[in-house]
Amino acid sequence: MPIAAAKKSLKTNCAIDLTLSLANGTPFLDKFFVPAAVRVALMSGESGDAVIQETARRIARSKLWPNLSDYANATWSFDLPRLGQPQTKRDLTKFITDHALAVLIVDPAYLCLDLGDDAGNLFSVGKKL
């Protein structure tokens, strides 16, 4: 399920909150019930690892479990897959298996696509997604 919204509307923050909520079974955005904790990974190509980790720490502090080290079910990756390349399916399958994931979140999906000169064209990006 995609998270779609305008630029600078906190999509990555929502993905981080979702990761932490799924990892420990606490409500997503402090509103939506999560029935059980599951193994989850967030692959992010946004903002860089230091910014993502700091945001995750701030979101964790707002939840019942304030320390990121308490989120043993969460895995963080800062390497995005290159969709459409032959090795990618094998690499993603291995990543999911190695981490025993129930959920994989990829942020943002458009950076995983070979868009070339069409990266700024919403219709071209939408078609590829």
N, C-alpha and C. Protein backbone atom coordinates (compact mmCIF):
# COMPACT_ATOMS: atom_id res chain seq x y z
N MET A 1 0.85 -1.17 0.00
CA MET A 1 0.00 0.00 0.00
C MET A 1 0.89 1.23 0.00
N PRO A 2 0.71 2.13 -0.94
CA PRO A 2 1.55 3.31 -1.02
C PRO A 2 1.13 4.38 -0.02
N ILE A 3 2.11 5.17 0.40
CA ILE A 3 1.84 6.39 1.14
C ILE A 3 2.06 7.51 0.12
N ALA A 4 1.01 8.21 -0.23
CA ALA A 4 1.11 9.25 -1.24
C ALA A 4 0.57 10.56 -0.69
N ALA A 5 1.31 11.62 -0.96
CA ALA A 5 0.89 12.96 -0.53
C ALA A 5 1.80 13.98 -1.20
N ALA A 6 1.50 15.23 -0.99
CA ALA A 6 2.31 16.31 -1.56
C ALA A 6 3.70 16.33 -0.95
N LYS A 7 4.62 17.03 -1.61
CA LYS A 7 5.98 17.19 -1.09
C LYS A 7 5.95 17.79 0.31
N LYS A 8 6.90 17.37 1.12
CA LYS A 8 7.08 17.90 2.47
C LYS A 8 5.84 17.73 3.36
N SER A 9 5.14 16.61 3.20
CA SER A 9 3.95 16.37 4.01
C SER A 9 4.15 15.24 5.01
N LEU A 10 5.40 14.96 5.35
CA LEU A 10 5.77 14.02 6.41
C LEU A 10 5.52 12.55 6.07
N LYS A 11 5.62 12.19 4.80
CA LYS A 11 5.45 10.79 4.40
C LYS A 11 6.51 9.90 5.04
N THR A 12 7.76 10.36 5.04
CA THR A 12 8.83 9.56 5.64
C THR A 12 8.62 9.43 7.14
N ASN A 13 8.18 10.49 7.80
CA ASN A 13 7.89 10.41 9.23
C ASN A 13 6.79 9.39 9.50
N CYS A 14 5.77 9.36 8.63
CA CYS A 14 4.70 8.36 8.77
C CYS A 14 5.26 6.95 8.59
N ALA A 15 6.16 6.77 7.62
CA ALA A 15 6.77 5.45 7.39
C ALA A 15 7.59 5.02 8.61
N ILE A 16 8.28 5.96 9.23
CA ILE A 16 9.07 5.64 10.43
C ILE A 16 8.14 5.27 11.57
N ASP A 17 7.08 6.04 11.78
CA ASP A 17 6.12 5.72 12.83
C ASP A 17 5.50 4.35 12.59
N LEU A 18 5.16 4.05 11.32
CA LEU A 18 4.61 2.75 10.98
C LEU A 18 5.59 1.63 11.31
N THR A 19 6.86 1.83 10.99
CA THR A 19 7.89 0.84 11.29
C THR A 19 7.94 0.55 12.79
N LEU A 20 8.00 1.61 13.59
CA LEU A 20 8.09 1.43 15.04
C LEU A 20 6.81 0.82 15.61
N SER A 21 5.67 1.25 15.11
CA SER A 21 4.39 0.72 15.60
C SER A 21 4.25 -0.77 15.29
N LEU A 22 4.59 -1.15 14.07
CA LEU A 22 4.52 -2.57 13.72
C LEU A 22 5.54 -3.40 14.50
N ALA A 23 6.70 -2.82 14.76
CA ALA A 23 7.77 -3.55 15.45
C ALA A 23 7.42 -3.87 16.90
N ASN A 24 6.61 -3.02 17.54
CA ASN A 24 6.31 -3.32 18.94
C ASN A 24 4.83 -3.42 19.25
N GLY A 25 3.99 -3.35 18.23
CA GLY A 25 2.55 -3.56 18.44
C GLY A 25 1.85 -2.42 19.13
N THR A 26 2.35 -1.19 18.96
CA THR A 26 1.68 -0.03 19.53
C THR A 26 0.93 0.71 18.43
N PRO A 27 -0.04 1.53 18.78
CA PRO A 27 -0.86 2.20 17.76
C PRO A 27 -0.04 3.06 16.79
N PHE A 28 -0.34 2.91 15.51
CA PHE A 28 0.27 3.71 14.45
C PHE A 28 -0.31 5.12 14.53
N LEU A 29 0.56 6.11 14.57
CA LEU A 29 0.18 7.52 14.74
C LEU A 29 -0.65 7.72 16.00
N ASP A 30 -0.43 6.86 16.99
CA ASP A 30 -1.14 6.88 18.27
C ASP A 30 -2.66 6.78 18.10
N LYS A 31 -3.10 6.28 16.98
CA LYS A 31 -4.54 6.21 16.72
C LYS A 31 -5.00 4.86 16.18
N PHE A 32 -4.20 4.25 15.29
CA PHE A 32 -4.64 3.04 14.59
C PHE A 32 -4.06 1.80 15.27
N PHE A 33 -4.94 0.93 15.71
CA PHE A 33 -4.60 -0.29 16.44
C PHE A 33 -3.70 -1.20 15.62
N VAL A 34 -2.66 -1.70 16.25
CA VAL A 34 -1.77 -2.70 15.66
C VAL A 34 -1.95 -3.96 16.50
N PRO A 35 -2.51 -5.03 15.93
CA PRO A 35 -2.88 -6.20 16.73
C PRO A 35 -1.71 -6.97 17.34
N ALA A 36 -0.56 -6.97 16.68
CA ALA A 36 0.58 -7.72 17.19
C ALA A 36 1.87 -7.17 16.59
N ALA A 37 2.94 -7.32 17.35
CA ALA A 37 4.25 -6.91 16.84
C ALA A 37 4.70 -7.88 15.76
N VAL A 38 5.34 -7.36 14.73
CA VAL A 38 5.87 -8.17 13.64
C VAL A 38 7.27 -7.69 13.28
N ARG A 39 8.01 -8.53 12.58
CA ARG A 39 9.33 -8.14 12.05
C ARG A 39 9.10 -7.23 10.86
N VAL A 40 9.71 -6.05 10.88
CA VAL A 40 9.50 -5.04 9.85
C VAL A 40 10.82 -4.36 9.52
N ALA A 41 10.99 -3.98 8.26
CA ALA A 41 12.18 -3.22 7.85
C ALA A 41 11.74 -1.99 7.07
N LEU A 42 12.48 -0.92 7.27
CA LEU A 42 12.30 0.29 6.48
C LEU A 42 13.57 0.49 5.67
N MET A 43 13.41 0.48 4.35
CA MET A 43 14.50 0.83 3.43
C MET A 43 14.24 2.27 3.02
N SER A 44 15.16 3.16 3.34
CA SER A 44 14.92 4.56 3.04
C SER A 44 16.06 5.16 2.24
N GLY A 45 15.69 5.91 1.23
CA GLY A 45 16.65 6.67 0.44
C GLY A 45 16.44 8.16 0.63
N GLU A 46 15.66 8.53 1.63
CA GLU A 46 15.36 9.92 1.91
C GLU A 46 16.22 10.43 3.06
N SER A 47 16.69 11.62 2.94
CA SER A 47 17.28 12.39 4.05
C SER A 47 18.62 11.90 4.57
N GLY A 48 18.99 10.66 4.37
CA GLY A 48 20.23 10.11 4.92
C GLY A 48 20.00 9.40 6.23
N ASP A 49 20.91 8.49 6.55
CA ASP A 49 20.71 7.64 7.73
C ASP A 49 20.68 8.41 9.04
N ALA A 50 21.51 9.44 9.20
CA ALA A 50 21.53 10.20 10.47
C ALA A 50 20.19 10.89 10.71
N VAL A 51 19.61 11.47 9.68
CA VAL A 51 18.32 12.15 9.83
C VAL A 51 17.21 11.15 10.13
N ILE A 52 17.21 10.03 9.43
CA ILE A 52 16.20 8.99 9.66
C ILE A 52 16.31 8.46 11.09
N GLN A 53 17.51 8.21 11.54
CA GLN A 53 17.71 7.68 12.89
C GLN A 53 17.29 8.70 13.95
N GLU A 54 17.60 9.97 13.75
CA GLU A 54 17.18 11.00 14.71
C GLU A 54 15.66 11.13 14.73
N THR A 55 15.04 11.08 13.57
CA THR A 55 13.58 11.13 13.51
C THR A 55 12.98 9.92 14.21
N ALA A 56 13.55 8.76 13.98
CA ALA A 56 13.07 7.54 14.64
C ALA A 56 13.22 7.65 16.16
N ARG A 57 14.32 8.23 16.62
CA ARG A 57 14.50 8.42 18.08
C ARG A 57 13.42 9.36 18.64
N ARG A 58 13.12 10.43 17.92
CA ARG A 58 12.09 11.37 18.40
C ARG A 58 10.72 10.70 18.43
N ILE A 59 10.40 9.93 17.39
CA ILE A 59 9.11 9.25 17.36
C ILE A 59 9.05 8.19 18.45
N ALA A 60 10.14 7.47 18.67
CA ALA A 60 10.18 6.45 19.73
C ALA A 60 9.94 7.08 21.10
N ARG A 61 10.53 8.26 21.32
CA ARG A 61 10.33 8.95 22.61
C ARG A 61 8.86 9.33 22.82
N SER A 62 8.12 9.52 21.74
CA SER A 62 6.71 9.89 21.87
C SER A 62 5.82 8.67 22.14
N LYS A 63 6.40 7.48 21.99
CA LYS A 63 5.64 6.24 22.20
C LYS A 63 5.94 5.68 23.59
N LEU A 64 5.35 4.55 23.90
CA LEU A 64 5.56 3.91 25.19
C LEU A 64 6.98 3.39 25.35
N TRP A 65 7.65 3.09 24.25
CA TRP A 65 9.00 2.54 24.28
C TRP A 65 9.95 3.61 23.77
N PRO A 66 10.59 4.37 24.64
CA PRO A 66 11.36 5.53 24.21
C PRO A 66 12.73 5.24 23.60
N ASN A 67 13.28 4.05 23.78
CA ASN A 67 14.62 3.75 23.27
C ASN A 67 14.56 2.92 22.00
N LEU A 68 15.26 3.35 20.96
CA LEU A 68 15.28 2.59 19.71
C LEU A 68 15.79 1.18 19.91
N SER A 69 16.66 0.98 20.88
CA SER A 69 17.19 -0.36 21.13
C SER A 69 16.10 -1.33 21.59
N ASP A 70 14.97 -0.81 22.04
CA ASP A 70 13.85 -1.66 22.46
C ASP A 70 13.05 -2.22 21.29
N TYR A 71 13.32 -1.72 20.08
CA TYR A 71 12.57 -2.13 18.90
C TYR A 71 13.33 -3.22 18.15
N ALA A 72 13.46 -4.37 18.79
CA ALA A 72 14.24 -5.47 18.22
C ALA A 72 13.63 -5.99 16.92
N ASN A 73 12.34 -5.80 16.71
CA ASN A 73 11.69 -6.27 15.50
C ASN A 73 11.88 -5.34 14.31
N ALA A 74 12.51 -4.19 14.52
CA ALA A 74 12.71 -3.21 13.44
C ALA A 74 14.11 -3.34 12.86
N THR A 75 14.17 -3.32 11.53
CA THR A 75 15.44 -3.31 10.80
C THR A 75 15.46 -2.07 9.93
N TRP A 76 16.62 -1.43 9.86
CA TRP A 76 16.76 -0.19 9.09
C TRP A 76 17.80 -0.42 8.00
N SER A 77 17.46 -0.01 6.79
CA SER A 77 18.39 -0.12 5.67
C SER A 77 18.38 1.20 4.90
N PHE A 78 19.55 1.61 4.48
CA PHE A 78 19.66 2.88 3.75
C PHE A 78 20.12 2.64 2.31
N ASP A 79 19.93 1.42 1.85
CA ASP A 79 20.19 1.04 0.46
C ASP A 79 18.87 0.66 -0.18
N LEU A 80 18.50 1.39 -1.22
CA LEU A 80 17.25 1.08 -1.91
C LEU A 80 17.48 0.05 -3.01
N PRO A 81 16.50 -0.82 -3.24
CA PRO A 81 16.62 -1.78 -4.35
C PRO A 81 16.47 -1.06 -5.68
N ARG A 82 17.07 -1.60 -6.72
CA ARG A 82 16.93 -1.07 -8.09
C ARG A 82 15.94 -1.97 -8.82
N LEU A 83 14.68 -1.60 -8.77
CA LEU A 83 13.64 -2.42 -9.38
C LEU A 83 13.83 -2.51 -10.88
N GLY A 84 13.55 -3.67 -11.41
CA GLY A 84 13.70 -3.90 -12.84
C GLY A 84 15.03 -4.52 -13.22
N GLN A 85 15.94 -4.68 -12.27
CA GLN A 85 17.21 -5.33 -12.55
C GLN A 85 17.14 -6.79 -12.09
N PRO A 86 17.73 -7.71 -12.86
CA PRO A 86 17.58 -9.15 -12.58
C PRO A 86 17.99 -9.57 -11.16
N GLN A 87 19.04 -9.01 -10.62
CA GLN A 87 19.53 -9.42 -9.30
C GLN A 87 18.65 -8.91 -8.17
N THR A 88 17.85 -7.88 -8.43
CA THR A 88 17.08 -7.23 -7.36
C THR A 88 16.11 -8.19 -6.68
N LYS A 89 15.38 -8.98 -7.44
CA LYS A 89 14.42 -9.91 -6.84
C LYS A 89 15.12 -10.88 -5.90
N ARG A 90 16.26 -11.39 -6.32
CA ARG A 90 17.03 -12.32 -5.46
C ARG A 90 17.53 -11.59 -4.21
N ASP A 91 18.04 -10.36 -4.39
CA ASP A 91 18.55 -9.60 -3.25
C ASP A 91 17.44 -9.27 -2.24
N LEU A 92 16.28 -8.86 -2.74
CA LEU A 92 15.16 -8.56 -1.85
C LEU A 92 14.66 -9.81 -1.14
N THR A 93 14.57 -10.91 -1.87
CA THR A 93 14.14 -12.18 -1.27
C THR A 93 15.10 -12.58 -0.15
N LYS A 94 16.40 -12.45 -0.39
CA LYS A 94 17.40 -12.77 0.63
C LYS A 94 17.27 -11.84 1.84
N PHE A 95 17.10 -10.53 1.60
CA PHE A 95 16.95 -9.56 2.68
C PHE A 95 15.73 -9.89 3.54
N ILE A 96 14.61 -10.18 2.89
CA ILE A 96 13.38 -10.51 3.62
C ILE A 96 13.55 -11.80 4.40
N THR A 97 14.17 -12.80 3.80
CA THR A 97 14.39 -14.08 4.47
C THR A 97 15.39 -13.95 5.62
N ASP A 98 16.51 -13.29 5.35
CA ASP A 98 17.54 -13.13 6.39
C ASP A 98 17.03 -12.43 7.63
N HIS A 99 16.11 -11.48 7.45
CA HIS A 99 15.58 -10.72 8.58
C HIS A 99 14.21 -11.22 9.04
N ALA A 100 13.73 -12.31 8.42
CA ALA A 100 12.44 -12.91 8.78
C ALA A 100 11.33 -11.86 8.81
N LEU A 101 11.24 -11.06 7.75
CA LEU A 101 10.31 -9.94 7.73
C LEU A 101 8.88 -10.36 7.40
N ALA A 102 7.95 -9.71 8.09
CA ALA A 102 6.54 -9.80 7.74
C ALA A 102 6.15 -8.60 6.88
N VAL A 103 6.87 -7.47 7.06
CA VAL A 103 6.57 -6.23 6.35
C VAL A 103 7.87 -5.58 5.91
N LEU A 104 7.87 -5.09 4.66
CA LEU A 104 8.99 -4.31 4.13
C LEU A 104 8.43 -2.99 3.63
N ILE A 105 8.96 -1.88 4.13
CA ILE A 105 8.55 -0.55 3.71
C ILE A 105 9.69 0.05 2.91
N VAL A 106 9.40 0.56 1.72
CA VAL A 106 10.41 1.16 0.85
C VAL A 106 10.04 2.63 0.65
N ASP A 107 10.97 3.51 1.03
CA ASP A 107 10.71 4.95 1.00
C ASP A 107 11.86 5.70 0.37
N PRO A 108 11.61 6.38 -0.72
CA PRO A 108 10.44 6.42 -1.57
C PRO A 108 10.59 5.44 -2.72
N ALA A 109 9.48 4.92 -3.19
CA ALA A 109 9.49 3.91 -4.25
C ALA A 109 10.04 4.47 -5.56
N TYR A 110 9.78 5.74 -5.85
CA TYR A 110 10.21 6.27 -7.16
C TYR A 110 11.72 6.28 -7.32
N LEU A 111 12.47 6.33 -6.22
CA LEU A 111 13.93 6.29 -6.32
C LEU A 111 14.44 4.90 -6.66
N CYS A 112 13.58 3.90 -6.61
CA CYS A 112 13.96 2.53 -6.95
C CYS A 112 13.80 2.26 -8.44
N LEU A 113 13.20 3.19 -9.15
CA LEU A 113 12.89 3.00 -10.56
C LEU A 113 13.91 3.69 -11.45
N ASP A 114 14.13 3.13 -12.61
CA ASP A 114 14.98 3.77 -13.62
C ASP A 114 14.09 4.72 -14.41
N LEU A 115 14.05 5.98 -14.00
CA LEU A 115 13.15 6.95 -14.62
C LEU A 115 13.84 7.84 -15.65
N GLY A 116 15.15 7.92 -15.58
CA GLY A 116 15.87 8.76 -16.53
C GLY A 116 15.37 10.19 -16.51
N ASP A 117 15.12 10.75 -17.69
CA ASP A 117 14.68 12.14 -17.80
C ASP A 117 13.23 12.34 -17.39
N ASP A 118 12.50 11.24 -17.13
CA ASP A 118 11.08 11.34 -16.77
C ASP A 118 10.84 11.49 -15.26
N ALA A 119 11.88 11.61 -14.46
CA ALA A 119 11.73 11.66 -13.00
C ALA A 119 10.83 12.79 -12.54
N GLY A 120 10.80 13.89 -13.26
CA GLY A 120 9.96 15.02 -12.88
C GLY A 120 8.56 14.97 -13.45
N ASN A 121 8.25 13.97 -14.25
CA ASN A 121 6.94 13.85 -14.88
C ASN A 121 6.07 12.90 -14.06
N LEU A 122 5.07 13.46 -13.37
CA LEU A 122 4.23 12.65 -12.49
C LEU A 122 3.51 11.53 -13.23
N PHE A 123 3.13 11.77 -14.49
CA PHE A 123 2.42 10.74 -15.25
C PHE A 123 3.35 9.57 -15.55
N SER A 124 4.60 9.86 -15.91
CA SER A 124 5.57 8.79 -16.18
C SER A 124 5.90 8.01 -14.92
N VAL A 125 6.09 8.73 -13.82
CA VAL A 125 6.39 8.07 -12.55
C VAL A 125 5.22 7.20 -12.14
N GLY A 126 4.00 7.74 -12.23
CA GLY A 126 2.80 6.98 -11.87
C GLY A 126 2.64 5.73 -12.69
N LYS A 127 2.93 5.82 -13.97
CA LYS A 127 2.82 4.66 -14.86
C LYS A 127 3.80 3.56 -14.44
N LYS A 128 5.04 3.95 -14.10
CA LYS A 128 6.04 2.96 -13.69
C LYS A 128 5.70 2.36 -12.32
N LEU A 129 5.18 3.18 -11.41
CA LEU A 129 4.82 2.65 -10.09
C LEU A 129 3.69 1.65 -10.23
